[in-house]
């Protein structure tokens, strides 16, 4: 009993020599079941305030750049369609008229992570005439006969499946009837056709009961898709007359605006610029006018034969 009392008094006198200094950090940690490695770190008020300010700054920066970058178009020079055609033909003077193509780029003010515009359009004057369409349906069905009459390059099921698996995808568009869609999924073809944009889809109108109208539409049509806030599509060949190009540009712009109006119900999507270019020329921002008579300007008829 005496030894126990002596030990206690010795310990008390020993600990009394280590009195805590005000404001100093003690080396002893209070008892806790949490390992030292996982114990929460104490952050000074100044450091916590600095971190909070950095987080707020990062948040504002992300919010600032949530839209695709737009340039100031206040002093941008714009052109009528015929003026743009005249300059583009000067850039393409060394090429045959059937080689270069006119392209239209429609630029949006839209969010980076918002829904996109995507559709298919049959232009009044076809640009591409070498499109090959494959129709996946039973080879002896009425749908197969209808597809062949409409001009499909490939019609059938098993034969097309084997070609796709072998990597011999010799077609530009793919249509399927609803009954064949299940076979496509069973054969594991979506992982081959999907990345190439060839997978038949109900949403895109490539899964149909009667493939004839869809084939005819594809043979004279084009697919467009928004990328980085811009929709691009070939709208004519250099051999087109100004009137033919005008019809195609008008049809394309109207279709894209209609699609954008539907998407705008979910998120802002505003057309800011329409640019006409060609295979080897720069882009010319259009002002919406077809022709403006001016001294020295060629007439529409002269542009048609130039």
Foldseek 3Di string as FASTA:
>chain_A
DVVVVVVVVVVVVVVVVDDDDPPDDDPDDDDDPDDPVPDDDDDDPVVVVVVVVVVVVVVVVCVVPQKQDDDDCPVPDADALLVQLVVQCVQVVVDDQLPKFKKKKWFKGWGPPADKFKAKFQFPFFNDQPAAEEEEDDCPDPLNVLLVVLPHPHYYHPVVLVCLVVVNDPGDEYAYEPVRLVVCVVSVPCVRCVVVVHRQDVVHVRHHNRCNVVSNRVSRMDIWIDDSRMIMDTQHTSLAQLVSSVRSVVRVVVVRVVSQVVSVVPTDIGTDWMWMHMDRGDTHTHPPHHDDDDPPRDDSVVSNVD
